């Protein structure tokens, strides 16, 4: 409460519409009913908050007199709003940090695939497959979110999981992060991580030579 003082109404003459406030230092300060900001008349003994001003003749008087309880309530509400705003900022900062980490993870994975292909340990067809599935999966998540918002026909969760298991898990990861879709449901998240494990197991199988020739013929 900048430039505000606290005191107690010690005298009030209701018929004349003025009274006196005793400050915390024991000073008696005049105030008029027009400066009392509540929708009622002041009560003797109640605590108030006010600022010091002067009347037309230069005499000290209390200005903008408010109930202490009202001011404290307003301050509590303001502090609550500040805490809520700070909490939202903290959540947003955490979300943005998670975006960066997941984006880096996705790009790093594609980078590893490209490096393996460049060194002849993996077919470029496999890299293309992962890139295409990642894009398709992201689009399917976006389509499903739009359908959820518009009340249209939804994409089955099983379809999203199949796409993820086949190699679109990076697209799913980015969609969950940037679109904030399917990112809160625990059962879905657990199944998603299982699809990642399944896909990575399949990739390791290919890198070990098992089925790589078959996949290349299939593609």
C-alpha atoms as a PDB file:
ATOM      1  CA  UNK A   1       0.000   0.000   0.000  1.00  0.00           C
ATOM      2  CA  UNK A   2       2.202   2.790  -1.331  1.00  0.00           C
ATOM      3  CA  UNK A   3       1.540   6.226   0.311  1.00  0.00           C
ATOM      4  CA  UNK A   4      -1.214   4.666   2.365  1.00  0.00           C
ATOM      5  CA  UNK A   5      -1.696   4.830   6.113  1.00  0.00           C
ATOM      6  CA  UNK A   6      -3.690   2.694   8.474  1.00  0.00           C
ATOM      7  CA  UNK A   7      -5.825   3.983  11.319  1.00  0.00           C
ATOM      8  CA  UNK A   8      -9.007   3.643  13.356  1.00  0.00           C
ATOM      9  CA  UNK A   9     -12.179   5.708  13.181  1.00  0.00           C
ATOM     10  CA  UNK A  10     -12.269   7.300  16.659  1.00  0.00           C
ATOM     11  CA  UNK A  11     -15.030   9.838  16.198  1.00  0.00           C
ATOM     12  CA  UNK A  12     -17.899  10.110  13.760  1.00  0.00           C
ATOM     13  CA  UNK A  13     -20.682  12.735  13.587  1.00  0.00           C
ATOM     14  CA  UNK A  14     -23.223  11.209  11.260  1.00  0.00           C
ATOM     15  CA  UNK A  15     -25.507  14.225  11.176  1.00  0.00           C
ATOM     16  CA  UNK A  16     -22.659  16.444   9.978  1.00  0.00           C
ATOM     17  CA  UNK A  17     -21.013  13.828   7.749  1.00  0.00           C
ATOM     18  CA  UNK A  18     -17.487  13.979   9.094  1.00  0.00           C
ATOM     19  CA  UNK A  19     -15.262  12.405  11.713  1.00  0.00           C
ATOM     20  CA  UNK A  20     -11.702  11.772  12.783  1.00  0.00           C
ATOM     21  CA  UNK A  21      -9.257   8.926  12.249  1.00  0.00           C
ATOM     22  CA  UNK A  22      -6.556   8.099  14.751  1.00  0.00           C
ATOM     23  CA  UNK A  23      -3.369   7.087  12.929  1.00  0.00           C
ATOM     24  CA  UNK A  24      -0.904   4.467  14.134  1.00  0.00           C
ATOM     25  CA  UNK A  25       1.236   7.298  15.499  1.00  0.00           C
ATOM     26  CA  UNK A  26      -1.649   8.689  17.562  1.00  0.00           C
ATOM     27  CA  UNK A  27      -2.400  11.643  15.302  1.00  0.00           C
ATOM     28  CA  UNK A  28      -6.039  12.636  14.759  1.00  0.00           C
ATOM     29  CA  UNK A  29      -6.932  13.314  11.116  1.00  0.00           C
ATOM     30  CA  UNK A  30     -10.188  14.812   9.853  1.00  0.00           C
ATOM     31  CA  UNK A  31     -12.150  13.092   7.081  1.00  0.00           C
ATOM     32  CA  UNK A  32     -15.420  13.802   5.280  1.00  0.00           C
ATOM     33  CA  UNK A  33     -18.038  11.226   4.327  1.00  0.00           C
ATOM     34  CA  UNK A  34     -17.417  12.021   0.651  1.00  0.00           C
ATOM     35  CA  UNK A  35     -13.960  10.466   1.043  1.00  0.00           C
ATOM     36  CA  UNK A  36     -15.313   7.236   2.546  1.00  0.00           C
ATOM     37  CA  UNK A  37     -15.364   4.752  -0.342  1.00  0.00           C
ATOM     38  CA  UNK A  38     -17.729   2.143   1.113  1.00  0.00           C
ATOM     39  CA  UNK A  39     -21.436   2.026   0.239  1.00  0.00           C
ATOM     40  CA  UNK A  40     -22.384   2.834   3.825  1.00  0.00           C
ATOM     41  CA  UNK A  41     -21.550   5.201   6.692  1.00  0.00           C
ATOM     42  CA  UNK A  42     -18.377   4.756   8.755  1.00  0.00           C
ATOM     43  CA  UNK A  43     -18.473   3.024  12.141  1.00  0.00           C
ATOM     44  CA  UNK A  44     -16.558   4.161  15.203  1.00  0.00           C
ATOM     45  CA  UNK A  45     -13.818   1.674  16.014  1.00  0.00           C
ATOM     46  CA  UNK A  46     -13.406   0.212  12.535  1.00  0.00           C
ATOM     47  CA  UNK A  47      -9.980   0.074  10.942  1.00  0.00           C
ATOM     48  CA  UNK A  48      -9.439   1.958   7.720  1.00  0.00           C
ATOM     49  CA  UNK A  49      -6.764   2.681   5.141  1.00  0.00           C
ATOM     50  CA  UNK A  50      -6.313   6.166   3.748  1.00  0.00           C
ATOM     51  CA  UNK A  51      -3.945   8.700   2.260  1.00  0.00           C
ATOM     52  CA  UNK A  52      -3.120  12.159   3.559  1.00  0.00           C
ATOM     53  CA  UNK A  53      -4.155  15.221   1.593  1.00  0.00           C
ATOM     54  CA  UNK A  54      -5.146  18.839   2.098  1.00  0.00           C
ATOM     55  CA  UNK A  55      -8.373  20.743   1.799  1.00  0.00           C
ATOM     56  CA  UNK A  56      -8.828  24.079  -0.004  1.00  0.00           C
ATOM     57  CA  UNK A  57      -7.395  25.920   2.992  1.00  0.00           C
ATOM     58  CA  UNK A  58      -4.314  23.723   3.234  1.00  0.00           C
ATOM     59  CA  UNK A  59      -5.425  21.737   6.271  1.00  0.00           C
ATOM     60  CA  UNK A  60      -4.507  18.069   6.566  1.00  0.00           C
ATOM     61  CA  UNK A  61      -7.319  15.624   5.965  1.00  0.00           C
ATOM     62  CA  UNK A  62      -7.766  11.945   5.131  1.00  0.00           C
ATOM     63  CA  UNK A  63      -8.418  11.101   1.484  1.00  0.00           C
ATOM     64  CA  UNK A  64      -9.707   7.926  -0.184  1.00  0.00           C
ATOM     65  CA  UNK A  65     -10.699   6.281   3.093  1.00  0.00           C
ATOM     66  CA  UNK A  66     -11.336   2.554   2.645  1.00  0.00           C
ATOM     67  CA  UNK A  67     -12.245  -0.322   4.929  1.00  0.00           C
ATOM     68  CA  UNK A  68      -9.145  -2.240   5.963  1.00  0.00           C
ATOM     69  CA  UNK A  69     -10.891  -5.573   5.423  1.00  0.00           C
ATOM     70  CA  UNK A  70     -11.915  -4.560   1.896  1.00  0.00           C
ATOM     71  CA  UNK A  71      -8.362  -3.485   1.043  1.00  0.00           C
ATOM     72  CA  UNK A  72      -6.924  -6.699   2.461  1.00  0.00           C
ATOM     73  CA  UNK A  73      -9.427  -8.734   0.449  1.00  0.00           C
ATOM     74  CA  UNK A  74      -8.487  -6.874  -2.745  1.00  0.00           C
ATOM     75  CA  UNK A  75      -4.804  -7.369  -2.034  1.00  0.00           C
ATOM     76  CA  UNK A  76      -5.385 -11.084  -1.415  1.00  0.00           C
ATOM     77  CA  UNK A  77      -7.228 -11.354  -4.734  1.00  0.00           C
ATOM     78  CA  UNK A  78      -4.443  -9.474  -6.508  1.00  0.00           C
ATOM     79  CA  UNK A  79      -1.792 -11.703  -4.934  1.00  0.00           C
ATOM     80  CA  UNK A  80      -3.799 -14.766  -5.962  1.00  0.00           C
ATOM     81  CA  UNK A  81      -3.961 -13.482  -9.529  1.00  0.00           C
ATOM     82  CA  UNK A  82      -0.214 -12.860  -9.485  1.00  0.00           C
ATOM     83  CA  UNK A  83       0.422 -16.399  -8.205  1.00  0.00           C
ATOM     84  CA  UNK A  84      -1.869 -17.834 -10.862  1.00  0.00           C
ATOM     85  CA  UNK A  85      -0.154 -15.777 -13.565  1.00  0.00           C
ATOM     86  CA  UNK A  86       3.274 -16.890 -12.336  1.00  0.00           C
ATOM     87  CA  UNK A  87       2.075 -20.500 -12.237  1.00  0.00           C
ATOM     88  CA  UNK A  88       0.847 -20.211 -15.835  1.00  0.00           C
ATOM     89  CA  UNK A  89       4.166 -18.719 -16.867  1.00  0.00           C
ATOM     90  CA  UNK A  90       5.973 -21.555 -15.115  1.00  0.00           C
ATOM     91  CA  UNK A  91       3.803 -24.138 -16.889  1.00  0.00           C
ATOM     92  CA  UNK A  92       4.361 -22.368 -20.213  1.00  0.00           C
ATOM     93  CA  UNK A  93       8.123 -22.240 -19.642  1.00  0.00           C
ATOM     94  CA  UNK A  94       8.126 -25.945 -18.775  1.00  0.00           C
ATOM     95  CA  UNK A  95       6.045 -26.677 -21.857  1.00  0.00           C
ATOM     96  CA  UNK A  96       8.422 -24.724 -24.107  1.00  0.00           C
ATOM     97  CA  UNK A  97      11.422 -26.484 -22.571  1.00  0.00           C
ATOM     98  CA  UNK A  98       9.731 -29.830 -23.200  1.00  0.00           C
ATOM     99  CA  UNK A  99       9.059 -28.757 -26.783  1.00  0.00           C
ATOM    100  CA  UNK A 100      12.733 -28.076 -27.342  1.00  0.00           C
ATOM    101  CA  UNK A 101      13.807 -31.372 -25.787  1.00  0.00           C
ATOM    102  CA  UNK A 102      11.327 -33.417 -27.814  1.00  0.00           C
ATOM    103  CA  UNK A 103      12.146 -31.550 -31.002  1.00  0.00           C
ATOM    104  CA  UNK A 104      15.821 -32.236 -30.399  1.00  0.00           C
ATOM    105  CA  UNK A 105      15.055 -35.912 -29.720  1.00  0.00           C
ATOM    106  CA  UNK A 106      13.131 -36.239 -32.989  1.00  0.00           C
ATOM    107  CA  UNK A 107      15.774 -34.437 -35.045  1.00  0.00           C
ATOM    108  CA  UNK A 108      18.522 -36.429 -33.335  1.00  0.00           C
ATOM    109  CA  UNK A 109      16.789 -39.694 -34.205  1.00  0.00           C
ATOM    110  CA  UNK A 110      16.450 -38.704 -37.858  1.00  0.00           C
ATOM    111  CA  UNK A 111      20.044 -37.545 -37.768  1.00  0.00           C
ATOM    112  CA  UNK A 112      21.189 -40.956 -36.510  1.00  0.00           C
ATOM    113  CA  UNK A 113      19.182 -42.671 -39.239  1.00  0.00           C
ATOM    114  CA  UNK A 114      20.777 -40.441 -41.871  1.00  0.00           C
ATOM    115  CA  UNK A 115      24.251 -41.138 -40.441  1.00  0.00           C
ATOM    116  CA  UNK A 116      23.631 -44.882 -40.510  1.00  0.00           C
ATOM    117  CA  UNK A 117      22.445 -44.634 -44.097  1.00  0.00           C
ATOM    118  CA  UNK A 118      25.448 -42.501 -45.072  1.00  0.00           C
ATOM    119  CA  UNK A 119      27.818 -45.102 -43.633  1.00  0.00           C
ATOM    120  CA  UNK A 120      26.026 -47.914 -45.464  1.00  0.00           C
ATOM    121  CA  UNK A 121      24.618 -49.518 -42.319  1.00  0.00           C
ATOM    122  CA  UNK A 122      21.038 -48.695 -43.212  1.00  0.00           C
ATOM    123  CA  UNK A 123      19.128 -48.230 -46.430  1.00  0.00           C
ATOM    124  CA  UNK A 124      18.035 -44.729 -47.408  1.00  0.00           C
ATOM    125  CA  UNK A 125      14.658 -46.309 -48.085  1.00  0.00           C
ATOM    126  CA  UNK A 126      14.342 -46.928 -44.357  1.00  0.00           C
ATOM    127  CA  UNK A 127      15.180 -43.288 -43.644  1.00  0.00           C
ATOM    128  CA  UNK A 128      12.535 -42.215 -46.138  1.00  0.00           C
ATOM    129  CA  UNK A 129      10.053 -44.589 -44.553  1.00  0.00           C
ATOM    130  CA  UNK A 130      10.585 -43.065 -41.110  1.00  0.00           C
ATOM    131  CA  UNK A 131      10.343 -39.524 -42.461  1.00  0.00           C
ATOM    132  CA  UNK A 132       7.153 -40.265 -44.401  1.00  0.00           C
ATOM    133  CA  UNK A 133       5.509 -42.104 -41.483  1.00  0.00           C
ATOM    134  CA  UNK A 134       6.477 -39.311 -39.114  1.00  0.00           C
ATOM    135  CA  UNK A 135       4.792 -36.737 -41.327  1.00  0.00           C
ATOM    136  CA  UNK A 136       1.699 -38.882 -41.882  1.00  0.00           C
ATOM    137  CA  UNK A 137       1.365 -39.566 -38.171  1.00  0.00           C
ATOM    138  CA  UNK A 138       1.646 -35.867 -37.306  1.00  0.00           C
ATOM    139  CA  UNK A 139      -1.059 -35.069 -39.863  1.00  0.00           C
ATOM    140  CA  UNK A 140      -3.319 -37.794 -38.445  1.00  0.00           C
ATOM    141  CA  UNK A 141      -2.924 -36.341 -34.937  1.00  0.00           C
ATOM    142  CA  UNK A 142      -3.758 -32.874 -36.255  1.00  0.00           C
ATOM    143  CA  UNK A 143      -6.793 -34.235 -38.074  1.00  0.00           C
ATOM    144  CA  UNK A 144      -7.982 -36.085 -34.988  1.00  0.00           C
ATOM    145  CA  UNK A 145      -7.618 -32.972 -32.808  1.00  0.00           C
ATOM    146  CA  UNK A 146      -9.618 -30.918 -35.302  1.00  0.00           C
ATOM    147  CA  UNK A 147     -12.280 -33.632 -35.334  1.00  0.00           C
ATOM    148  CA  UNK A 148     -12.430 -33.605 -31.535  1.00  0.00           C
ATOM    149  CA  UNK A 149     -12.903 -29.831 -31.503  1.00  0.00           C
ATOM    150  CA  UNK A 150     -15.574 -29.894 -34.215  1.00  0.00           C
ATOM    151  CA  UNK A 151     -17.406 -32.994 -33.060  1.00  0.00           C
ATOM    152  CA  UNK A 152     -16.551 -34.901 -36.245  1.00  0.00           C
ATOM    153  CA  UNK A 153     -15.602 -38.545 -36.767  1.00  0.00           C
ATOM    154  CA  UNK A 154     -12.497 -39.361 -34.711  1.00  0.00           C
ATOM    155  CA  UNK A 155      -9.432 -41.345 -35.726  1.00  0.00           C
ATOM    156  CA  UNK A 156      -9.259 -44.561 -33.637  1.00  0.00           C
ATOM    157  CA  UNK A 157      -6.463 -44.568 -31.086  1.00  0.00           C
ATOM    158  CA  UNK A 158      -5.403 -47.953 -32.391  1.00  0.00           C
ATOM    159  CA  UNK A 159      -4.691 -46.365 -35.792  1.00  0.00           C
ATOM    160  CA  UNK A 160      -2.461 -43.747 -34.179  1.00  0.00           C
ATOM    161  CA  UNK A 161      -0.612 -46.436 -32.248  1.00  0.00           C
ATOM    162  CA  UNK A 162      -0.114 -48.590 -35.352  1.00  0.00           C
ATOM    163  CA  UNK A 163       1.352 -45.628 -37.228  1.00  0.00           C
ATOM    164  CA  UNK A 164       3.655 -44.968 -34.284  1.00  0.00           C
ATOM    165  CA  UNK A 165       4.787 -48.593 -34.076  1.00  0.00           C
ATOM    166  CA  UNK A 166       5.481 -48.690 -37.827  1.00  0.00           C
ATOM    167  CA  UNK A 167       7.882 -45.751 -37.514  1.00  0.00           C
ATOM    168  CA  UNK A 168       5.804 -42.619 -37.053  1.00  0.00           C
ATOM    169  CA  UNK A 169       6.532 -42.261 -33.346  1.00  0.00           C
ATOM    170  CA  UNK A 170       8.595 -39.107 -33.835  1.00  0.00           C
ATOM    171  CA  UNK A 171       5.664 -37.449 -35.595  1.00  0.00           C
ATOM    172  CA  UNK A 172       3.411 -38.605 -32.758  1.00  0.00           C
ATOM    173  CA  UNK A 173       5.839 -37.199 -30.207  1.00  0.00           C
ATOM    174  CA  UNK A 174       5.933 -33.815 -31.901  1.00  0.00           C
ATOM    175  CA  UNK A 175       2.159 -33.775 -32.316  1.00  0.00           C
ATOM    176  CA  UNK A 176       1.614 -34.538 -28.646  1.00  0.00           C
ATOM    177  CA  UNK A 177       3.993 -31.732 -27.777  1.00  0.00           C
ATOM    178  CA  UNK A 178       3.093 -28.974 -30.219  1.00  0.00           C
ATOM    179  CA  UNK A 179      -0.574 -29.769 -30.733  1.00  0.00           C
ATOM    180  CA  UNK A 180      -1.105 -30.774 -27.090  1.00  0.00           C
ATOM    181  CA  UNK A 181      -3.167 -33.688 -28.326  1.00  0.00           C
ATOM    182  CA  UNK A 182      -3.239 -37.077 -26.586  1.00  0.00           C
ATOM    183  CA  UNK A 183      -0.613 -35.768 -24.178  1.00  0.00           C
ATOM    184  CA  UNK A 184      -2.552 -36.069 -20.896  1.00  0.00           C
ATOM    185  CA  UNK A 185      -4.297 -39.435 -21.079  1.00  0.00           C
ATOM    186  CA  UNK A 186      -2.121 -41.892 -19.065  1.00  0.00           C
ATOM    187  CA  UNK A 187      -3.355 -45.066 -20.813  1.00  0.00           C
ATOM    188  CA  UNK A 188      -2.663 -43.604 -24.230  1.00  0.00           C
ATOM    189  CA  UNK A 189       0.786 -42.399 -23.203  1.00  0.00           C
ATOM    190  CA  UNK A 190       1.757 -45.815 -21.840  1.00  0.00           C
ATOM    191  CA  UNK A 191       0.678 -47.517 -25.046  1.00  0.00           C
ATOM    192  CA  UNK A 192       2.509 -44.888 -27.073  1.00  0.00           C
ATOM    193  CA  UNK A 193       5.770 -45.599 -25.280  1.00  0.00           C
ATOM    194  CA  UNK A 194       5.236 -49.312 -25.904  1.00  0.00           C
ATOM    195  CA  UNK A 195       4.947 -48.580 -29.630  1.00  0.00           C
ATOM    196  CA  UNK A 196       8.263 -46.746 -29.453  1.00  0.00           C
ATOM    197  CA  UNK A 197       9.874 -49.770 -27.801  1.00  0.00           C
ATOM    198  CA  UNK A 198       8.394 -52.088 -30.421  1.00  0.00           C
ATOM    199  CA  UNK A 199       9.596 -49.891 -33.260  1.00  0.00           C
ATOM    200  CA  UNK A 200      13.086 -49.501 -31.842  1.00  0.00           C
ATOM    201  CA  UNK A 201      13.294 -53.268 -31.387  1.00  0.00           C
ATOM    202  CA  UNK A 202      12.344 -53.693 -35.034  1.00  0.00           C
ATOM    203  CA  UNK A 203      14.961 -51.138 -36.085  1.00  0.00           C
ATOM    204  CA  UNK A 204      17.642 -52.930 -34.119  1.00  0.00           C
ATOM    205  CA  UNK A 205      16.570 -56.159 -35.781  1.00  0.00           C
ATOM    206  CA  UNK A 206      17.042 -54.536 -39.183  1.00  0.00           C
ATOM    207  CA  UNK A 207      20.441 -53.155 -38.201  1.00  0.00           C
ATOM    208  CA  UNK A 208      21.484 -56.623 -37.097  1.00  0.00           C
ATOM    209  CA  UNK A 209      20.742 -57.807 -40.612  1.00  0.00           C
ATOM    210  CA  UNK A 210      17.607 -59.739 -39.877  1.00  0.00           C
ATOM    211  CA  UNK A 211      15.012 -58.937 -42.499  1.00  0.00           C
ATOM    212  CA  UNK A 212      16.811 -55.947 -44.023  1.00  0.00           C
ATOM    213  CA  UNK A 213      16.969 -57.532 -47.481  1.00  0.00           C
ATOM    214  CA  UNK A 214      13.295 -58.452 -47.231  1.00  0.00           C
ATOM    215  CA  UNK A 215      12.374 -54.899 -46.285  1.00  0.00           C
ATOM    216  CA  UNK A 216      14.374 -53.447 -49.149  1.00  0.00           C
ATOM    217  CA  UNK A 217      12.601 -55.807 -51.585  1.00  0.00           C
ATOM    218  CA  UNK A 218       9.261 -54.858 -50.051  1.00  0.00           C
ATOM    219  CA  UNK A 219       9.973 -51.150 -50.430  1.00  0.00           C
END
